[in-house]
Protein backbone atom coordinates (compact mmCIF):
# COMPACT_ATOMS: atom_id res chain seq x y z
CA MET A 1 31.39 7.25 35.39
CA PRO A 2 34.25 5.22 36.81
CA LYS A 3 36.69 3.74 34.47
CA ILE A 4 37.76 0.75 36.48
CA LYS A 5 35.60 -2.05 38.11
CA LEU A 6 37.29 -4.67 40.26
CA GLN A 7 36.15 -8.01 41.73
CA VAL A 8 37.86 -9.45 44.77
CA SER A 9 37.36 -12.89 46.34
CA PRO A 10 37.46 -13.68 50.00
CA LEU A 11 39.52 -16.70 49.20
CA GLY A 12 43.06 -15.50 49.40
CA ALA A 13 41.80 -11.91 49.26
CA GLU A 14 42.59 -12.30 45.56
CA LEU A 15 41.87 -10.02 42.60
CA GLN A 16 39.41 -11.74 40.29
CA SER A 17 38.72 -9.10 37.65
CA ILE A 18 39.94 -5.75 36.38
CA VAL A 19 37.53 -4.22 33.85
CA ALA A 20 37.90 -0.85 32.17
CA ASN A 21 35.52 0.31 29.48
CA GLY A 22 34.15 -3.17 29.03
CA LYS A 23 37.60 -4.82 28.66
CA GLU A 24 39.02 -7.34 30.99
CA TYR A 25 42.69 -7.12 31.76
CA LEU A 26 43.20 -9.88 34.25
CA TRP A 27 43.52 -13.59 33.54
CA GLN A 28 40.28 -15.34 34.51
CA GLY A 29 41.78 -18.61 35.61
CA CYS A 30 41.67 -22.07 33.97
CA LYS A 31 43.41 -25.21 35.26
CA GLU A 32 44.51 -26.10 31.73
CA TYR A 33 47.07 -23.22 32.12
CA TRP A 34 46.90 -21.85 35.61
CA GLY A 35 43.86 -21.81 37.87
CA ARG A 36 44.69 -18.62 39.83
CA ARG A 37 44.53 -14.97 38.92
CA ALA A 38 46.45 -12.73 41.22
CA PRO A 39 47.31 -14.46 44.55
CA ILE A 40 49.03 -12.97 47.58
CA LEU A 41 52.39 -14.68 48.27
CA PHE A 42 52.80 -14.98 52.10
CA PRO A 43 54.62 -15.80 54.34
CA ILE A 44 57.13 -16.92 51.70
CA VAL A 45 57.76 -16.06 48.05
CA GLY A 46 58.67 -18.99 45.71
CA ARG A 47 59.79 -22.31 47.14
CA VAL A 48 61.87 -23.01 50.18
CA ALA A 49 64.56 -25.68 50.00
CA ASP A 50 63.21 -29.14 50.86
CA ASP A 51 59.73 -27.46 51.27
CA THR A 52 60.95 -26.73 54.83
CA LEU A 53 61.15 -23.57 56.93
CA ARG A 54 63.59 -23.69 59.78
CA ILE A 55 62.61 -21.39 62.62
CA ASP A 56 64.46 -21.25 65.90
CA GLY A 57 65.71 -24.82 65.70
CA LYS A 58 62.43 -26.27 64.51
CA SER A 59 61.36 -27.40 61.02
CA TYR A 60 58.04 -26.63 59.38
CA GLN A 61 56.60 -27.86 56.01
CA MET A 62 55.71 -24.92 53.81
CA LYS A 63 54.42 -25.27 50.30
CA GLN A 64 55.44 -22.90 47.41
CA HIS A 65 54.25 -19.21 47.89
CA GLY A 66 52.81 -19.92 51.37
CA PHE A 67 49.26 -20.27 52.64
CA ALA A 68 47.70 -16.86 52.34
CA ARG A 69 46.44 -17.61 48.80
CA ASP A 70 44.42 -20.61 50.14
CA THR A 71 43.02 -18.99 53.24
CA GLU A 72 39.57 -17.62 53.61
CA PHE A 73 39.75 -13.91 54.51
CA VAL A 74 37.06 -11.90 56.40
CA PRO A 75 35.59 -8.78 54.65
CA ASN A 76 36.65 -5.45 56.31
CA LYS A 77 34.18 -2.99 54.84
CA ILE A 78 35.41 0.57 54.72
CA ASN A 79 32.69 1.73 52.33
CA ALA A 80 29.59 0.07 51.04
CA PHE A 81 29.78 -2.46 48.25
CA PHE A 82 27.54 -5.12 46.82
CA SER A 83 28.11 -8.76 46.48
CA LEU A 84 28.67 -10.44 43.12
CA GLY A 85 28.55 -14.20 43.37
CA ASP A 86 31.21 -15.12 45.90
CA SER A 87 33.23 -12.00 45.29
CA VAL A 88 32.83 -8.32 45.98
CA GLN A 89 32.61 -5.73 43.11
CA ILE A 90 34.36 -2.41 43.45
CA ASP A 91 32.95 0.26 41.17
CA THR A 92 33.34 3.59 42.67
CA VAL A 93 36.33 5.71 42.19
CA ASN A 94 38.65 5.87 45.23
CA ASP A 95 36.47 3.48 47.28
CA VAL A 96 38.37 0.95 49.32
CA PHE A 97 37.53 -2.59 50.01
CA GLY A 98 39.60 -4.66 52.52
CA TYR A 99 39.92 -8.37 53.66
CA THR A 100 41.67 -9.47 56.78
CA MET A 101 43.15 -12.90 57.38
CA PRO A 102 41.56 -14.28 60.65
CA GLN A 103 44.12 -14.59 63.35
CA GLY A 104 44.67 -18.20 64.30
CA GLU A 105 47.40 -20.82 64.83
CA PHE A 106 49.03 -21.99 61.70
CA THR A 107 51.00 -25.22 62.65
CA ASN A 108 53.63 -24.48 60.03
CA TYR A 109 54.30 -20.75 60.94
CA PRO A 110 54.82 -20.00 64.66
CA TYR A 111 53.93 -16.39 64.72
CA CYS A 112 50.91 -14.38 65.82
CA PHE A 113 50.15 -11.87 63.04
CA GLU A 114 47.43 -10.05 61.07
CA LEU A 115 47.47 -9.69 57.41
CA LYS A 116 45.14 -7.21 55.70
CA ALA A 117 44.54 -6.80 51.84
CA ASN A 118 42.99 -3.37 50.82
CA TYR A 119 42.20 -2.42 47.10
CA ILE A 120 41.49 0.94 45.74
CA ALA A 121 39.97 1.61 42.28
CA THR A 122 40.93 4.96 40.82
CA GLU A 123 40.20 6.28 37.31
CA GLN A 124 43.14 4.53 35.73
CA SER A 125 44.76 2.47 38.43
CA VAL A 126 44.33 -0.30 40.81
CA ILE A 127 46.23 0.31 44.14
CA CYS A 128 46.87 -2.80 46.04
CA ASN A 129 47.82 -2.15 49.74
CA TRP A 130 48.78 -5.16 52.09
CA GLN A 131 49.54 -4.82 55.67
CA VAL A 132 51.35 -7.25 57.93
CA GLN A 133 51.13 -6.62 61.66
CA ASN A 134 53.26 -8.45 64.25
CA CYS A 135 50.92 -9.39 66.99
CA ASP A 136 53.52 -11.53 68.81
CA ASP A 137 55.97 -10.71 71.56
CA LYS A 138 58.98 -11.55 69.44
CA ASP A 139 60.42 -10.65 66.00
CA MET A 140 58.63 -12.05 63.00
CA TYR A 141 60.20 -13.08 59.80
CA PHE A 142 58.37 -13.34 56.43
CA GLN A 143 58.31 -12.45 52.79
CA ILE A 144 55.38 -11.11 50.73
CA GLY A 145 54.75 -10.64 47.03
CA ALA A 146 52.20 -10.29 44.27
CA HIS A 147 51.46 -12.76 41.40
CA PRO A 148 48.90 -10.97 39.01
CA ALA A 149 48.41 -12.46 35.59
CA PHE A 150 47.42 -10.29 32.75
CA LEU A 151 45.69 -11.00 29.50
CA LEU A 152 47.90 -10.59 26.29
CA PRO A 153 46.05 -8.15 23.98
CA ASP A 154 44.58 -9.75 20.80
CA TYR A 155 46.23 -12.98 21.63
CA SER A 156 46.62 -15.50 18.74
CA GLU A 157 48.68 -18.70 19.25
CA ALA A 158 49.84 -18.46 15.65
CA ASP A 159 51.64 -15.19 16.24
CA GLU A 160 55.46 -15.29 16.63
CA ILE A 161 55.38 -12.43 19.14
CA HIS A 162 52.49 -11.88 21.52
CA GLY A 163 53.66 -8.67 22.99
CA TYR A 164 56.59 -7.12 24.92
CA LEU A 165 57.77 -6.45 28.47
CA GLN A 166 59.91 -3.44 29.25
CA CYS A 167 61.70 -2.68 32.62
CA LEU A 168 62.31 0.73 34.26
CA ASP A 169 64.41 1.67 37.25
CA LYS A 170 63.66 4.06 40.18
CA ASN A 171 64.32 7.02 37.99
CA GLY A 172 61.89 5.91 35.31
CA LYS A 173 64.70 4.99 32.90
CA VAL A 174 64.33 1.94 30.72
CA VAL A 175 66.96 -0.60 31.77
CA ASN A 176 68.31 -3.95 30.60
CA PRO A 177 68.53 -6.02 33.76
CA ILE A 178 71.19 -8.43 34.54
CA ILE A 179 70.04 -12.00 35.25
CA ASN A 180 72.16 -13.90 37.69
CA THR A 181 70.09 -17.01 38.63
CA CYS A 182 67.57 -19.31 37.14
CA LEU A 183 64.90 -21.71 38.59
CA LYS A 184 65.18 -25.50 38.64
CA ASP A 185 62.43 -27.32 40.46
CA GLY A 186 61.41 -23.96 41.94
CA LEU A 187 64.63 -23.24 43.62
CA ARG A 188 67.43 -20.85 42.52
CA HIS A 189 70.70 -21.85 40.80
CA SER A 190 73.42 -19.36 39.81
CA LEU A 191 73.94 -19.08 36.08
CA PRO A 192 77.42 -20.02 34.81
CA GLN A 193 77.64 -16.34 33.56
CA PRO A 194 75.31 -13.41 33.99
CA LYS A 195 73.21 -12.49 31.11
CA ILE A 196 71.11 -9.37 30.00
CA LEU A 197 67.40 -9.73 29.73
CA TYR A 198 66.92 -8.05 26.29
CA ASP A 199 68.49 -9.25 22.98
CA CYS A 200 67.59 -5.86 21.43
CA ASP A 201 65.17 -2.94 21.21
CA ASN A 202 65.08 -2.42 25.03
CA SER A 203 62.25 -5.00 25.55
CA LEU A 204 61.58 -8.69 25.96
CA ALA A 205 59.61 -10.25 23.21
CA ILE A 206 56.95 -12.49 24.58
CA THR A 207 57.00 -15.67 22.45
CA ASN A 208 55.74 -19.30 23.00
CA ASP A 209 59.12 -20.20 24.54
CA SER A 210 59.99 -17.11 26.57
CA PHE A 211 59.42 -18.98 29.84
CA ALA A 212 60.61 -22.47 28.76
CA ASN A 213 63.04 -22.40 31.58
CA ASP A 214 60.47 -21.30 34.23
CA ALA A 215 60.20 -17.67 35.57
CA ILE A 216 62.73 -15.01 34.81
CA LEU A 217 64.13 -13.52 38.07
CA ILE A 218 65.15 -9.91 38.21
CA GLU A 219 66.92 -9.34 41.53
CA ASP A 220 68.71 -6.73 43.55
CA LYS A 221 66.18 -3.79 43.12
CA GLN A 222 67.19 -3.35 39.45
CA VAL A 223 63.52 -2.66 38.52
CA GLN A 224 60.66 -0.77 40.00
CA LYS A 225 58.29 -0.83 37.14
CA VAL A 226 57.40 -3.38 34.35
CA VAL A 227 55.34 -2.28 31.36
CA LEU A 228 53.32 -4.63 29.22
CA LEU A 229 53.27 -3.62 25.60
CA ASP A 230 51.03 -5.02 22.71
CA LYS A 231 52.37 -6.56 19.52
CA ASN A 232 52.70 -2.96 18.05
CA ARG A 233 54.67 -1.87 21.11
CA LYS A 234 51.81 0.23 22.47
CA PRO A 235 51.86 0.33 26.29
CA VAL A 236 48.87 -1.52 27.68
CA LEU A 237 49.50 -1.54 31.43
CA SER A 238 52.30 -1.18 33.93
CA VAL A 239 53.03 -2.69 37.39
CA LEU A 240 54.83 -0.36 39.70
CA CYS A 241 56.39 -1.26 43.04
CA PRO A 242 59.22 0.95 44.36
CA GLN A 243 59.93 -1.35 47.37
CA ALA A 244 60.16 -4.52 45.27
CA GLU A 245 63.50 -6.26 45.98
CA ALA A 246 62.93 -8.51 42.96
CA PHE A 247 60.47 -8.93 40.00
CA GLY A 248 59.38 -12.36 38.54
CA LEU A 249 58.24 -12.62 34.97
CA TRP A 250 56.37 -15.82 34.18
CA ALA A 251 53.84 -17.77 32.14
CA PRO A 252 53.22 -21.56 31.96
CA ASN A 253 55.26 -23.23 29.22
CA LYS A 254 52.19 -24.52 27.42
CA ALA A 255 51.09 -23.72 23.83
CA GLY A 256 48.24 -21.37 23.64
CA CYS A 257 48.88 -19.63 26.95
CA PRO A 258 47.25 -16.20 26.57
CA PHE A 259 48.65 -14.38 29.65
CA VAL A 260 51.82 -13.27 31.38
CA CYS A 261 52.51 -12.65 35.05
CA ILE A 262 54.33 -9.53 36.30
CA GLU A 263 55.25 -10.17 39.91
CA PRO A 264 56.76 -7.62 42.32
CA TRP A 265 58.25 -9.33 45.44
CA CYS A 266 59.71 -8.48 48.81
CA GLY A 267 61.22 -11.99 49.00
CA ILE A 268 62.49 -14.65 46.61
CA ALA A 269 62.86 -18.54 46.32
CA ASP A 270 65.71 -20.31 48.25
CA GLY A 271 68.85 -21.30 46.64
CA TYR A 272 68.88 -25.04 45.92
CA ASP A 273 71.36 -25.74 48.75
CA PHE A 274 70.00 -23.37 51.48
CA LYS A 275 69.75 -25.05 54.86
CA GLY A 276 69.66 -21.94 57.22
CA ASP A 277 67.21 -20.34 59.53
CA ILE A 278 64.33 -18.29 58.19
CA SER A 279 66.13 -15.19 59.49
CA GLU A 280 68.97 -16.00 57.07
CA ARG A 281 66.82 -16.31 53.89
CA GLU A 282 67.53 -13.78 51.14
CA TYR A 283 65.28 -10.70 51.04
CA ILE A 284 63.66 -11.73 54.33
CA GLN A 285 61.63 -9.11 56.09
CA LYS A 286 62.13 -8.70 59.95
CA LEU A 287 59.19 -7.08 61.86
CA SER A 288 59.50 -6.22 65.50
CA SER A 289 56.65 -6.84 67.90
CA GLY A 290 53.67 -4.45 67.55
CA ASN A 291 54.94 -2.98 64.29
CA THR A 292 53.34 -2.93 60.87
CA PHE A 293 54.84 -3.68 57.39
CA LEU A 294 53.27 -2.11 54.34
CA PHE A 295 53.42 -3.60 50.95
CA ASN A 296 52.05 -1.55 48.00
CA TYR A 297 51.99 -1.99 44.35
CA LYS A 298 49.94 -0.32 41.60
CA ILE A 299 48.46 -1.60 38.32
CA HIS A 300 48.19 1.28 35.96
CA LEU A 301 46.19 1.06 32.68
CA HIS A 302 47.61 3.00 29.83
CA GLU A 303 44.79 2.55 27.33
């Protein structure tokens, strides 16, 4: 019997559920806290200054995290699956299901491209494979990232600590990342002095106020893997993304929020005073005509 069952929605090609042995691992969405579950961030990650992209001398309005998460994708069946409501359930080991964003003209993004999202369920992991193809006759600039939200095990609002997060580098070594920037109104500001993520014990305790100042930004490829541990420091799951240039850690600053987001990014929000062209944005991806960019990350269940 397969261990993992997935559900994927055509809206945003978004993961809706990750179930193993009858246990749900993915936040199920509730507007009281956050109505999404695991959106694809494209063609930007985070917010752009003035909510404006500047491309080749023209200005385009772009909302935070881009438009992929609100676009209806077209199913691209590689193997046979069955429908479950408005989503598709994947329940066979190593089967793949994909969605493709229909090619069309986006008035706020002047490139011709194709975006595919493929998901693979293995015995203990979910492999997320996203492909961006430049169908234009010019270079294309973009960012892409993931925003999965995971349920905190045995959550109780009354607990002082709800779990822990631990960061590992490319060599699999636990590291204490240096934090250089913070978010204000969704844009990056330099801290007066850099600080380290952990206070002690090589892990970040998840408390009711861990994200009182918005997301925690870990930049400059310091981290390739983030592990979620339960209140007893037992590993629950990990998010692995060797190509991530940054990771975001976030949860809404609301009492009773039972989840945490672990977000690998090839991109990041603008600095508050950025006024340059899209090609000058930090962690921007440049893709030449006809080429394909692959973004891969894995959710591994430890339990």
